mmCIF file of all heavy atoms, coordinates in Angstrom:
data_MODEL
# 
_entry.id   MODEL 
# 
loop_
_atom_site.group_PDB 
_atom_site.id 
_atom_site.type_symbol 
_atom_site.label_atom_id 
_atom_site.label_alt_id 
_atom_site.label_comp_id 
_atom_site.label_asym_id 
_atom_site.label_entity_id 
_atom_site.label_seq_id 
_atom_site.pdbx_PDB_ins_code 
_atom_site.Cartn_x 
_atom_site.Cartn_y 
_atom_site.Cartn_z 
_atom_site.occupancy 
_atom_site.B_iso_or_equiv 
_atom_site.pdbx_formal_charge 
_atom_site.auth_seq_id 
_atom_site.auth_comp_id 
_atom_site.auth_asym_id 
_atom_site.auth_atom_id 
_atom_site.pdbx_PDB_model_num 
ATOM 1   N N   . ALA A 1 1  ? 4.358  -17.118 -10.131 1.00 0.00 ? 1  ALA A N   1 
ATOM 2   C CA  . ALA A 1 1  ? 2.996  -16.576 -10.231 1.00 0.00 ? 1  ALA A CA  1 
ATOM 3   C C   . ALA A 1 1  ? 2.374  -16.460 -8.853  1.00 0.00 ? 1  ALA A C   1 
ATOM 4   O O   . ALA A 1 1  ? 1.679  -15.458 -8.544  1.00 0.00 ? 1  ALA A O   1 
ATOM 5   C CB  . ALA A 1 1  ? 2.190  -17.513 -11.114 1.00 0.00 ? 1  ALA A CB  1 
ATOM 6   N N   . ALA A 1 2  ? 2.622  -17.432 -7.995  1.00 0.00 ? 2  ALA A N   1 
ATOM 7   C CA  . ALA A 1 2  ? 2.048  -17.392 -6.642  1.00 0.00 ? 2  ALA A CA  1 
ATOM 8   C C   . ALA A 1 2  ? 2.618  -16.231 -5.844  1.00 0.00 ? 2  ALA A C   1 
ATOM 9   O O   . ALA A 1 2  ? 1.894  -15.545 -5.112  1.00 0.00 ? 2  ALA A O   1 
ATOM 10  C CB  . ALA A 1 2  ? 2.344  -18.741 -5.940  1.00 0.00 ? 2  ALA A CB  1 
ATOM 11  N N   . LEU A 1 3  ? 3.938  -16.022 -5.974  1.00 0.00 ? 3  LEU A N   1 
ATOM 12  C CA  . LEU A 1 3  ? 4.598  -14.960 -5.252  1.00 0.00 ? 3  LEU A CA  1 
ATOM 13  C C   . LEU A 1 3  ? 4.097  -13.575 -5.694  1.00 0.00 ? 3  LEU A C   1 
ATOM 14  O O   . LEU A 1 3  ? 3.886  -12.673 -4.880  1.00 0.00 ? 3  LEU A O   1 
ATOM 15  C CB  . LEU A 1 3  ? 6.110  -15.049 -5.426  1.00 0.00 ? 3  LEU A CB  1 
ATOM 16  C CG  . LEU A 1 3  ? 6.790  -16.209 -4.664  1.00 0.00 ? 3  LEU A CG  1 
ATOM 17  C CD1 . LEU A 1 3  ? 8.238  -16.328 -5.113  1.00 0.00 ? 3  LEU A CD1 1 
ATOM 18  C CD2 . LEU A 1 3  ? 6.708  -15.988 -3.171  1.00 0.00 ? 3  LEU A CD2 1 
ATOM 19  N N   . LEU A 1 4  ? 3.957  -13.422 -7.022  1.00 0.00 ? 4  LEU A N   1 
ATOM 20  C CA  . LEU A 1 4  ? 3.477  -12.152 -7.545  1.00 0.00 ? 4  LEU A CA  1 
ATOM 21  C C   . LEU A 1 4  ? 2.055  -11.865 -7.091  1.00 0.00 ? 4  LEU A C   1 
ATOM 22  O O   . LEU A 1 4  ? 1.706  -10.710 -6.782  1.00 0.00 ? 4  LEU A O   1 
ATOM 23  C CB  . LEU A 1 4  ? 3.568  -12.163 -9.079  1.00 0.00 ? 4  LEU A CB  1 
ATOM 24  C CG  . LEU A 1 4  ? 4.980  -12.071 -9.678  1.00 0.00 ? 4  LEU A CG  1 
ATOM 25  C CD1 . LEU A 1 4  ? 4.891  -12.179 -11.213 1.00 0.00 ? 4  LEU A CD1 1 
ATOM 26  C CD2 . LEU A 1 4  ? 5.629  -10.769 -9.278  1.00 0.00 ? 4  LEU A CD2 1 
ATOM 27  N N   . LYS A 1 5  ? 1.209  -12.887 -7.045  1.00 0.00 ? 5  LYS A N   1 
ATOM 28  C CA  . LYS A 1 5  ? -0.166 -12.693 -6.571  1.00 0.00 ? 5  LYS A CA  1 
ATOM 29  C C   . LYS A 1 5  ? -0.138 -12.273 -5.106  1.00 0.00 ? 5  LYS A C   1 
ATOM 30  O O   . LYS A 1 5  ? -0.888 -11.353 -4.700  1.00 0.00 ? 5  LYS A O   1 
ATOM 31  C CB  . LYS A 1 5  ? -0.932 -14.002 -6.755  1.00 0.00 ? 5  LYS A CB  1 
ATOM 32  C CG  . LYS A 1 5  ? -2.400 -13.874 -6.284  1.00 0.00 ? 5  LYS A CG  1 
ATOM 33  C CD  . LYS A 1 5  ? -3.147 -15.176 -6.477  1.00 0.00 ? 5  LYS A CD  1 
ATOM 34  C CE  . LYS A 1 5  ? -4.588 -15.065 -5.973  1.00 0.00 ? 5  LYS A CE  1 
ATOM 35  N NZ  . LYS A 1 5  ? -5.317 -16.336 -6.139  1.00 0.00 ? 5  LYS A NZ  1 
ATOM 36  N N   . GLN A 1 6  ? 0.668  -12.927 -4.318  1.00 0.00 ? 6  GLN A N   1 
ATOM 37  C CA  . GLN A 1 6  ? 0.739  -12.600 -2.863  1.00 0.00 ? 6  GLN A CA  1 
ATOM 38  C C   . GLN A 1 6  ? 1.289  -11.181 -2.667  1.00 0.00 ? 6  GLN A C   1 
ATOM 39  O O   . GLN A 1 6  ? 0.785  -10.439 -1.835  1.00 0.00 ? 6  GLN A O   1 
ATOM 40  C CB  . GLN A 1 6  ? 1.662  -13.611 -2.174  1.00 0.00 ? 6  GLN A CB  1 
ATOM 41  C CG  . GLN A 1 6  ? 1.690  -13.470 -0.673  1.00 0.00 ? 6  GLN A CG  1 
ATOM 42  C CD  . GLN A 1 6  ? 2.569  -14.523 -0.011  1.00 0.00 ? 6  GLN A CD  1 
ATOM 43  O OE1 . GLN A 1 6  ? 3.443  -15.099 -0.636  1.00 0.00 ? 6  GLN A OE1 1 
ATOM 44  N NE2 . GLN A 1 6  ? 2.309  -14.794 1.243   1.00 0.00 ? 6  GLN A NE2 1 
ATOM 45  N N   . ALA A 1 7  ? 2.279  -10.801 -3.476  1.00 0.00 ? 7  ALA A N   1 
ATOM 46  C CA  . ALA A 1 7  ? 2.835  -9.458  -3.363  1.00 0.00 ? 7  ALA A CA  1 
ATOM 47  C C   . ALA A 1 7  ? 1.798  -8.396  -3.722  1.00 0.00 ? 7  ALA A C   1 
ATOM 48  O O   . ALA A 1 7  ? 1.728  -7.346  -3.101  1.00 0.00 ? 7  ALA A O   1 
ATOM 49  C CB  . ALA A 1 7  ? 4.052  -9.324  -4.305  1.00 0.00 ? 7  ALA A CB  1 
ATOM 50  N N   . GLU A 1 8  ? 1.000  -8.678  -4.740  1.00 0.00 ? 8  GLU A N   1 
ATOM 51  C CA  . GLU A 1 8  ? -0.058 -7.716  -5.183  1.00 0.00 ? 8  GLU A CA  1 
ATOM 52  C C   . GLU A 1 8  ? -1.104 -7.552  -4.109  1.00 0.00 ? 8  GLU A C   1 
ATOM 53  O O   . GLU A 1 8  ? -1.553 -6.438  -3.797  1.00 0.00 ? 8  GLU A O   1 
ATOM 54  C CB  . GLU A 1 8  ? -0.682 -8.176  -6.490  1.00 0.00 ? 8  GLU A CB  1 
ATOM 55  C CG  . GLU A 1 8  ? -1.829 -7.300  -6.971  1.00 0.00 ? 8  GLU A CG  1 
ATOM 56  C CD  . GLU A 1 8  ? -1.429 -5.879  -7.234  1.00 0.00 ? 8  GLU A CD  1 
ATOM 57  O OE1 . GLU A 1 8  ? -0.205 -5.625  -7.443  1.00 0.00 ? 8  GLU A OE1 1 
ATOM 58  O OE2 . GLU A 1 8  ? -2.313 -4.997  -7.196  1.00 0.00 ? 8  GLU A OE2 1 
ATOM 59  N N   . GLU A 1 9  ? -1.489 -8.643  -3.466  1.00 0.00 ? 9  GLU A N   1 
ATOM 60  C CA  . GLU A 1 9  ? -2.454 -8.587  -2.406  1.00 0.00 ? 9  GLU A CA  1 
ATOM 61  C C   . GLU A 1 9  ? -1.931 -7.760  -1.230  1.00 0.00 ? 9  GLU A C   1 
ATOM 62  O O   . GLU A 1 9  ? -2.619 -6.931  -0.629  1.00 0.00 ? 9  GLU A O   1 
ATOM 63  C CB  . GLU A 1 9  ? -2.829 -9.991  -1.918  1.00 0.00 ? 9  GLU A CB  1 
ATOM 64  C CG  . GLU A 1 9  ? -3.634 -10.787 -2.979  1.00 0.00 ? 9  GLU A CG  1 
ATOM 65  C CD  . GLU A 1 9  ? -3.872 -12.218 -2.539  1.00 0.00 ? 9  GLU A CD  1 
ATOM 66  O OE1 . GLU A 1 9  ? -3.279 -12.626 -1.507  1.00 0.00 ? 9  GLU A OE1 1 
ATOM 67  O OE2 . GLU A 1 9  ? -4.631 -12.933 -3.216  1.00 0.00 ? 9  GLU A OE2 1 
ATOM 68  N N   . THR A 1 10 ? -0.660 -8.015  -0.882  1.00 0.00 ? 10 THR A N   1 
ATOM 69  C CA  . THR A 1 10 ? -0.022 -7.260  0.193   1.00 0.00 ? 10 THR A CA  1 
ATOM 70  C C   . THR A 1 10 ? 0.065  -5.765  -0.158  1.00 0.00 ? 10 THR A C   1 
ATOM 71  O O   . THR A 1 10 ? -0.179 -4.899  0.667   1.00 0.00 ? 10 THR A O   1 
ATOM 72  C CB  . THR A 1 10 ? 1.377  -7.801  0.489   1.00 0.00 ? 10 THR A CB  1 
ATOM 73  O OG1 . THR A 1 10 ? 1.283  -9.170  0.840   1.00 0.00 ? 10 THR A OG1 1 
ATOM 74  C CG2 . THR A 1 10 ? 2.053  -7.044  1.631   1.00 0.00 ? 10 THR A CG2 1 
ATOM 75  N N   . ARG A 1 11 ? 0.408  -5.500  -1.413  1.00 0.00 ? 11 ARG A N   1 
ATOM 76  C CA  . ARG A 1 11 ? 0.548  -4.110  -1.863  1.00 0.00 ? 11 ARG A CA  1 
ATOM 77  C C   . ARG A 1 11 ? -0.760 -3.360  -1.707  1.00 0.00 ? 11 ARG A C   1 
ATOM 78  O O   . ARG A 1 11 ? -0.808 -2.237  -1.247  1.00 0.00 ? 11 ARG A O   1 
ATOM 79  C CB  . ARG A 1 11 ? 0.982  -4.088  -3.331  1.00 0.00 ? 11 ARG A CB  1 
ATOM 80  C CG  . ARG A 1 11 ? 1.273  -2.678  -3.863  1.00 0.00 ? 11 ARG A CG  1 
ATOM 81  C CD  . ARG A 1 11 ? 1.760  -2.771  -5.307  1.00 0.00 ? 11 ARG A CD  1 
ATOM 82  N NE  . ARG A 1 11 ? 0.642  -3.028  -6.207  1.00 0.00 ? 11 ARG A NE  1 
ATOM 83  C CZ  . ARG A 1 11 ? -0.097 -2.071  -6.763  1.00 0.00 ? 11 ARG A CZ  1 
ATOM 84  N NH1 . ARG A 1 11 ? 0.123  -0.807  -6.480  1.00 0.00 ? 11 ARG A NH1 1 
ATOM 85  N NH2 . ARG A 1 11 ? -1.095 -2.369  -7.592  1.00 0.00 ? 11 ARG A NH2 1 
ATOM 86  N N   . GLN A 1 12 ? -1.868 -4.000  -2.095  1.00 0.00 ? 12 GLN A N   1 
ATOM 87  C CA  . GLN A 1 12 ? -3.190 -3.367  -2.014  1.00 0.00 ? 12 GLN A CA  1 
ATOM 88  C C   . GLN A 1 12 ? -3.566 -3.108  -0.552  1.00 0.00 ? 12 GLN A C   1 
ATOM 89  O O   . GLN A 1 12 ? -4.142 -2.080  -0.209  1.00 0.00 ? 12 GLN A O   1 
ATOM 90  C CB  . GLN A 1 12 ? -4.229 -4.207  -2.722  1.00 0.00 ? 12 GLN A CB  1 
ATOM 91  C CG  . GLN A 1 12 ? -4.053 -4.293  -4.229  1.00 0.00 ? 12 GLN A CG  1 
ATOM 92  C CD  . GLN A 1 12 ? -4.185 -2.919  -4.892  1.00 0.00 ? 12 GLN A CD  1 
ATOM 93  O OE1 . GLN A 1 12 ? -4.895 -2.027  -4.392  1.00 0.00 ? 12 GLN A OE1 1 
ATOM 94  N NE2 . GLN A 1 12 ? -3.468 -2.743  -6.009  1.00 0.00 ? 12 GLN A NE2 1 
ATOM 95  N N   . GLN A 1 13 ? -3.301 -4.096  0.329   1.00 0.00 ? 13 GLN A N   1 
ATOM 96  C CA  . GLN A 1 13 ? -3.611 -3.942  1.740   1.00 0.00 ? 13 GLN A CA  1 
ATOM 97  C C   . GLN A 1 13 ? -2.826 -2.782  2.355   1.00 0.00 ? 13 GLN A C   1 
ATOM 98  O O   . GLN A 1 13 ? -3.401 -1.954  3.080   1.00 0.00 ? 13 GLN A O   1 
ATOM 99  C CB  . GLN A 1 13 ? -3.320 -5.235  2.475   1.00 0.00 ? 13 GLN A CB  1 
ATOM 100 C CG  . GLN A 1 13 ? -4.249 -6.402  2.088   1.00 0.00 ? 13 GLN A CG  1 
ATOM 101 C CD  . GLN A 1 13 ? -3.797 -7.712  2.720   1.00 0.00 ? 13 GLN A CD  1 
ATOM 102 O OE1 . GLN A 1 13 ? -2.815 -7.766  3.462   1.00 0.00 ? 13 GLN A OE1 1 
ATOM 103 N NE2 . GLN A 1 13 ? -4.541 -8.782  2.428   1.00 0.00 ? 13 GLN A NE2 1 
ATOM 104 N N   . LEU A 1 14 ? -1.550 -2.752  2.086   1.00 0.00 ? 14 LEU A N   1 
ATOM 105 C CA  . LEU A 1 14 ? -0.718 -1.712  2.640   1.00 0.00 ? 14 LEU A CA  1 
ATOM 106 C C   . LEU A 1 14 ? -1.077 -0.325  2.091   1.00 0.00 ? 14 LEU A C   1 
ATOM 107 O O   . LEU A 1 14 ? -1.040 0.677   2.801   1.00 0.00 ? 14 LEU A O   1 
ATOM 108 C CB  . LEU A 1 14 ? 0.761  -2.006  2.341   1.00 0.00 ? 14 LEU A CB  1 
ATOM 109 C CG  . LEU A 1 14 ? 1.350  -3.191  3.096   1.00 0.00 ? 14 LEU A CG  1 
ATOM 110 C CD1 . LEU A 1 14 ? 2.713  -3.536  2.546   1.00 0.00 ? 14 LEU A CD1 1 
ATOM 111 C CD2 . LEU A 1 14 ? 1.432  -2.905  4.596   1.00 0.00 ? 14 LEU A CD2 1 
ATOM 112 N N   . LYS A 1 15 ? -1.493 -0.298  0.828   1.00 0.00 ? 15 LYS A N   1 
ATOM 113 C CA  . LYS A 1 15 ? -1.885 0.981   0.238   1.00 0.00 ? 15 LYS A CA  1 
ATOM 114 C C   . LYS A 1 15 ? -3.101 1.556   0.943   1.00 0.00 ? 15 LYS A C   1 
ATOM 115 O O   . LYS A 1 15 ? -3.142 2.739   1.252   1.00 0.00 ? 15 LYS A O   1 
ATOM 116 C CB  . LYS A 1 15 ? -2.193 0.786   -1.264  1.00 0.00 ? 15 LYS A CB  1 
ATOM 117 C CG  . LYS A 1 15 ? -2.569 2.086   -1.956  1.00 0.00 ? 15 LYS A CG  1 
ATOM 118 C CD  . LYS A 1 15 ? -2.773 1.861   -3.461  1.00 0.00 ? 15 LYS A CD  1 
ATOM 119 C CE  . LYS A 1 15 ? -3.130 3.149   -4.162  1.00 0.00 ? 15 LYS A CE  1 
ATOM 120 N NZ  . LYS A 1 15 ? -3.312 2.962   -5.618  1.00 0.00 ? 15 LYS A NZ  1 
ATOM 121 N N   . GLN A 1 16 ? -4.083 0.726   1.223   1.00 0.00 ? 16 GLN A N   1 
ATOM 122 C CA  . GLN A 1 16 ? -5.295 1.163   1.891   1.00 0.00 ? 16 GLN A CA  1 
ATOM 123 C C   . GLN A 1 16 ? -4.967 1.660   3.321   1.00 0.00 ? 16 GLN A C   1 
ATOM 124 O O   . GLN A 1 16 ? -5.524 2.648   3.776   1.00 0.00 ? 16 GLN A O   1 
ATOM 125 C CB  . GLN A 1 16 ? -6.323 0.006   1.960   1.00 0.00 ? 16 GLN A CB  1 
ATOM 126 C CG  . GLN A 1 16 ? -6.934 -0.323  0.610   1.00 0.00 ? 16 GLN A CG  1 
ATOM 127 C CD  . GLN A 1 16 ? -7.581 0.868   -0.066  1.00 0.00 ? 16 GLN A CD  1 
ATOM 128 O OE1 . GLN A 1 16 ? -8.333 1.609   0.572   1.00 0.00 ? 16 GLN A OE1 1 
ATOM 129 N NE2 . GLN A 1 16 ? -7.331 1.034   -1.357  1.00 0.00 ? 16 GLN A NE2 1 
ATOM 130 N N   . GLN A 1 17 ? -4.053 0.960   3.974   1.00 0.00 ? 17 GLN A N   1 
ATOM 131 C CA  . GLN A 1 17 ? -3.647 1.402   5.324   1.00 0.00 ? 17 GLN A CA  1 
ATOM 132 C C   . GLN A 1 17 ? -2.933 2.733   5.285   1.00 0.00 ? 17 GLN A C   1 
ATOM 133 O O   . GLN A 1 17 ? -3.054 3.544   6.183   1.00 0.00 ? 17 GLN A O   1 
ATOM 134 C CB  . GLN A 1 17 ? -2.768 0.307   5.963   1.00 0.00 ? 17 GLN A CB  1 
ATOM 135 C CG  . GLN A 1 17 ? -3.498 -0.992  6.218   1.00 0.00 ? 17 GLN A CG  1 
ATOM 136 C CD  . GLN A 1 17 ? -2.554 -2.089  6.662   1.00 0.00 ? 17 GLN A CD  1 
ATOM 137 O OE1 . GLN A 1 17 ? -1.360 -1.833  6.890   1.00 0.00 ? 17 GLN A OE1 1 
ATOM 138 N NE2 . GLN A 1 17 ? -3.039 -3.312  6.765   1.00 0.00 ? 17 GLN A NE2 1 
ATOM 139 N N   . THR A 1 18 ? -2.159 2.928   4.234   1.00 0.00 ? 18 THR A N   1 
ATOM 140 C CA  . THR A 1 18 ? -1.315 4.134   4.135   1.00 0.00 ? 18 THR A CA  1 
ATOM 141 C C   . THR A 1 18 ? -2.132 5.363   3.840   1.00 0.00 ? 18 THR A C   1 
ATOM 142 O O   . THR A 1 18 ? -1.805 6.484   4.282   1.00 0.00 ? 18 THR A O   1 
ATOM 143 C CB  . THR A 1 18 ? -0.286 3.922   2.998   1.00 0.00 ? 18 THR A CB  1 
ATOM 144 O OG1 . THR A 1 18 ? 0.461  2.750   3.287   1.00 0.00 ? 18 THR A OG1 1 
ATOM 145 C CG2 . THR A 1 18 ? 0.647  5.139   2.928   1.00 0.00 ? 18 THR A CG2 1 
ATOM 146 N N   . ILE A 1 19 ? -3.243 5.223   3.093   1.00 0.00 ? 19 ILE A N   1 
ATOM 147 C CA  . ILE A 1 19 ? -4.069 6.364   2.718   1.00 0.00 ? 19 ILE A CA  1 
ATOM 148 C C   . ILE A 1 19 ? -4.502 7.143   3.951   1.00 0.00 ? 19 ILE A C   1 
ATOM 149 O O   . ILE A 1 19 ? -4.627 8.387   3.948   1.00 0.00 ? 19 ILE A O   1 
ATOM 150 C CB  . ILE A 1 19 ? -5.278 5.911   1.891   1.00 0.00 ? 19 ILE A CB  1 
ATOM 151 C CG1 . ILE A 1 19 ? -4.797 5.404   0.527   1.00 0.00 ? 19 ILE A CG1 1 
ATOM 152 C CG2 . ILE A 1 19 ? -6.279 7.045   1.735   1.00 0.00 ? 19 ILE A CG2 1 
ATOM 153 C CD1 . ILE A 1 19 ? -5.918 4.819   -0.334  1.00 0.00 ? 19 ILE A CD1 1 
ATOM 154 N N   . GLY A 1 20 ? -4.719 6.444   5.046   1.00 0.00 ? 20 GLY A N   1 
ATOM 155 C CA  . GLY A 1 20 ? -5.165 7.110   6.289   1.00 0.00 ? 20 GLY A CA  1 
ATOM 156 C C   . GLY A 1 20 ? -4.149 7.982   6.923   1.00 0.00 ? 20 GLY A C   1 
ATOM 157 O O   . GLY A 1 20 ? -4.480 8.802   7.760   1.00 0.00 ? 20 GLY A O   1 
ATOM 158 N N   . ILE A 1 21 ? -2.870 7.880   6.526   1.00 0.00 ? 21 ILE A N   1 
ATOM 159 C CA  . ILE A 1 21 ? -1.848 8.699   7.138   1.00 0.00 ? 21 ILE A CA  1 
ATOM 160 C C   . ILE A 1 21 ? -1.993 10.161  6.777   1.00 0.00 ? 21 ILE A C   1 
ATOM 161 O O   . ILE A 1 21 ? -1.735 11.048  7.545   1.00 0.00 ? 21 ILE A O   1 
ATOM 162 C CB  . ILE A 1 21 ? -0.429 8.183   6.711   1.00 0.00 ? 21 ILE A CB  1 
ATOM 163 C CG1 . ILE A 1 21 ? -0.215 6.772   7.328   1.00 0.00 ? 21 ILE A CG1 1 
ATOM 164 C CG2 . ILE A 1 21 ? 0.648  9.135   7.206   1.00 0.00 ? 21 ILE A CG2 1 
ATOM 165 C CD1 . ILE A 1 21 ? 1.098  6.191   6.947   1.00 0.00 ? 21 ILE A CD1 1 
ATOM 166 N N   . GLY A 1 22 ? -2.417 10.414  5.545   1.00 0.00 ? 22 GLY A N   1 
ATOM 167 C CA  . GLY A 1 22 ? -2.570 11.812  5.104   1.00 0.00 ? 22 GLY A CA  1 
ATOM 168 C C   . GLY A 1 22 ? -1.715 12.092  3.890   1.00 0.00 ? 22 GLY A C   1 
ATOM 169 O O   . GLY A 1 22 ? -0.509 12.240  4.053   1.00 0.00 ? 22 GLY A O   1 
ATOM 170 N N   . SER A 1 23 ? -2.312 12.196  2.710   1.00 0.00 ? 23 SER A N   1 
ATOM 171 C CA  . SER A 1 23 ? -1.559 12.321  1.489   1.00 0.00 ? 23 SER A CA  1 
ATOM 172 C C   . SER A 1 23 ? -0.909 13.669  1.315   1.00 0.00 ? 23 SER A C   1 
ATOM 173 O O   . SER A 1 23 ? -0.066 13.854  0.468   1.00 0.00 ? 23 SER A O   1 
ATOM 174 C CB  . SER A 1 23 ? -2.474 12.049  0.290   1.00 0.00 ? 23 SER A CB  1 
ATOM 175 O OG  . SER A 1 23 ? -3.554 12.939  0.290   1.00 0.00 ? 23 SER A OG  1 
ATOM 176 N N   . LYS A 1 24 ? -1.258 14.671  2.134   1.00 0.00 ? 24 LYS A N   1 
ATOM 177 C CA  . LYS A 1 24 ? -0.673 15.993  1.996   1.00 0.00 ? 24 LYS A CA  1 
ATOM 178 C C   . LYS A 1 24 ? 0.712  16.070  2.580   1.00 0.00 ? 24 LYS A C   1 
ATOM 179 O O   . LYS A 1 24 ? 1.490  16.934  2.249   1.00 0.00 ? 24 LYS A O   1 
ATOM 180 C CB  . LYS A 1 24 ? -1.565 17.038  2.689   1.00 0.00 ? 24 LYS A CB  1 
ATOM 181 C CG  . LYS A 1 24 ? -2.909 17.232  1.995   1.00 0.00 ? 24 LYS A CG  1 
ATOM 182 C CD  . LYS A 1 24 ? -3.664 18.350  2.656   1.00 0.00 ? 24 LYS A CD  1 
ATOM 183 C CE  . LYS A 1 24 ? -4.990 18.585  1.945   1.00 0.00 ? 24 LYS A CE  1 
ATOM 184 N NZ  . LYS A 1 24 ? -5.782 19.704  2.566   1.00 0.00 ? 24 LYS A NZ  1 
ATOM 185 N N   . ASP A 1 25 ? 1.070  15.147  3.482   1.00 0.00 ? 25 ASP A N   1 
ATOM 186 C CA  . ASP A 1 25 ? 2.381  15.161  4.070   1.00 0.00 ? 25 ASP A CA  1 
ATOM 187 C C   . ASP A 1 25 ? 3.419  14.580  3.104   1.00 0.00 ? 25 ASP A C   1 
ATOM 188 O O   . ASP A 1 25 ? 3.140  13.590  2.410   1.00 0.00 ? 25 ASP A O   1 
ATOM 189 C CB  . ASP A 1 25 ? 2.360  14.348  5.375   1.00 0.00 ? 25 ASP A CB  1 
ATOM 190 C CG  . ASP A 1 25 ? 3.650  14.444  6.119   1.00 0.00 ? 25 ASP A CG  1 
ATOM 191 O OD1 . ASP A 1 25 ? 4.619  13.732  5.747   1.00 0.00 ? 25 ASP A OD1 1 
ATOM 192 O OD2 . ASP A 1 25 ? 3.730  15.247  7.079   1.00 0.00 ? 25 ASP A OD2 1 
ATOM 193 N N   . GLN A 1 26 ? 4.582  15.174  3.077   1.00 0.00 ? 26 GLN A N   1 
ATOM 194 C CA  . GLN A 1 26 ? 5.616  14.737  2.124   1.00 0.00 ? 26 GLN A CA  1 
ATOM 195 C C   . GLN A 1 26 ? 6.000  13.287  2.382   1.00 0.00 ? 26 GLN A C   1 
ATOM 196 O O   . GLN A 1 26 ? 6.182  12.527  1.448   1.00 0.00 ? 26 GLN A O   1 
ATOM 197 C CB  . GLN A 1 26 ? 6.854  15.640  2.258   1.00 0.00 ? 26 GLN A CB  1 
ATOM 198 C CG  . GLN A 1 26 ? 7.991  15.246  1.301   1.00 0.00 ? 26 GLN A CG  1 
ATOM 199 C CD  . GLN A 1 26 ? 9.114  16.231  1.353   1.00 0.00 ? 26 GLN A CD  1 
ATOM 200 O OE1 . GLN A 1 26 ? 8.969  17.331  1.822   1.00 0.00 ? 26 GLN A OE1 1 
ATOM 201 N NE2 . GLN A 1 26 ? 10.273 15.814  0.892   1.00 0.00 ? 26 GLN A NE2 1 
ATOM 202 N N   . GLY A 1 27 ? 6.130  12.934  3.694   1.00 0.00 ? 27 GLY A N   1 
ATOM 203 C CA  . GLY A 1 27 ? 6.479  11.577  4.019   1.00 0.00 ? 27 GLY A CA  1 
ATOM 204 C C   . GLY A 1 27 ? 5.434  10.568  3.546   1.00 0.00 ? 27 GLY A C   1 
ATOM 205 O O   . GLY A 1 27 ? 5.709  9.490   3.076   1.00 0.00 ? 27 GLY A O   1 
ATOM 206 N N   . ALA A 1 28 ? 4.141  10.994  3.681   1.00 0.00 ? 28 ALA A N   1 
ATOM 207 C CA  . ALA A 1 28 ? 3.061  10.117  3.247   1.00 0.00 ? 28 ALA A CA  1 
ATOM 208 C C   . ALA A 1 28 ? 3.070  9.953   1.745   1.00 0.00 ? 28 ALA A C   1 
ATOM 209 O O   . ALA A 1 28 ? 2.814  8.862   1.222   1.00 0.00 ? 28 ALA A O   1 
ATOM 210 C CB  . ALA A 1 28 ? 1.723  10.687  3.704   1.00 0.00 ? 28 ALA A CB  1 
ATOM 211 N N   . ARG A 1 29 ? 3.390  11.055  1.033   1.00 0.00 ? 29 ARG A N   1 
ATOM 212 C CA  . ARG A 1 29 ? 3.466  10.954  -0.425  1.00 0.00 ? 29 ARG A CA  1 
ATOM 213 C C   . ARG A 1 29 ? 4.601  9.993   -0.834  1.00 0.00 ? 29 ARG A C   1 
ATOM 214 O O   . ARG A 1 29 ? 4.479  9.230   -1.820  1.00 0.00 ? 29 ARG A O   1 
ATOM 215 C CB  . ARG A 1 29 ? 3.717  12.327  -1.029  1.00 0.00 ? 29 ARG A CB  1 
ATOM 216 C CG  . ARG A 1 29 ? 2.552  13.277  -0.875  1.00 0.00 ? 29 ARG A CG  1 
ATOM 217 C CD  . ARG A 1 29 ? 2.656  14.436  -1.876  1.00 0.00 ? 29 ARG A CD  1 
ATOM 218 N NE  . ARG A 1 29 ? 3.894  15.137  -1.776  1.00 0.00 ? 29 ARG A NE  1 
ATOM 219 C CZ  . ARG A 1 29 ? 4.126  16.151  -0.940  1.00 0.00 ? 29 ARG A CZ  1 
ATOM 220 N NH1 . ARG A 1 29 ? 3.140  16.569  -0.112  1.00 0.00 ? 29 ARG A NH1 1 
ATOM 221 N NH2 . ARG A 1 29 ? 5.274  16.774  -0.906  1.00 0.00 ? 29 ARG A NH2 1 
# 
């Protein structure tokens, strides 16, 4: 449970950072 919670927090952080790259680019998608 602790690992899954930590993974979800990391996933959300990385997702927000990734949005700035530009969703129109194939690599970003």
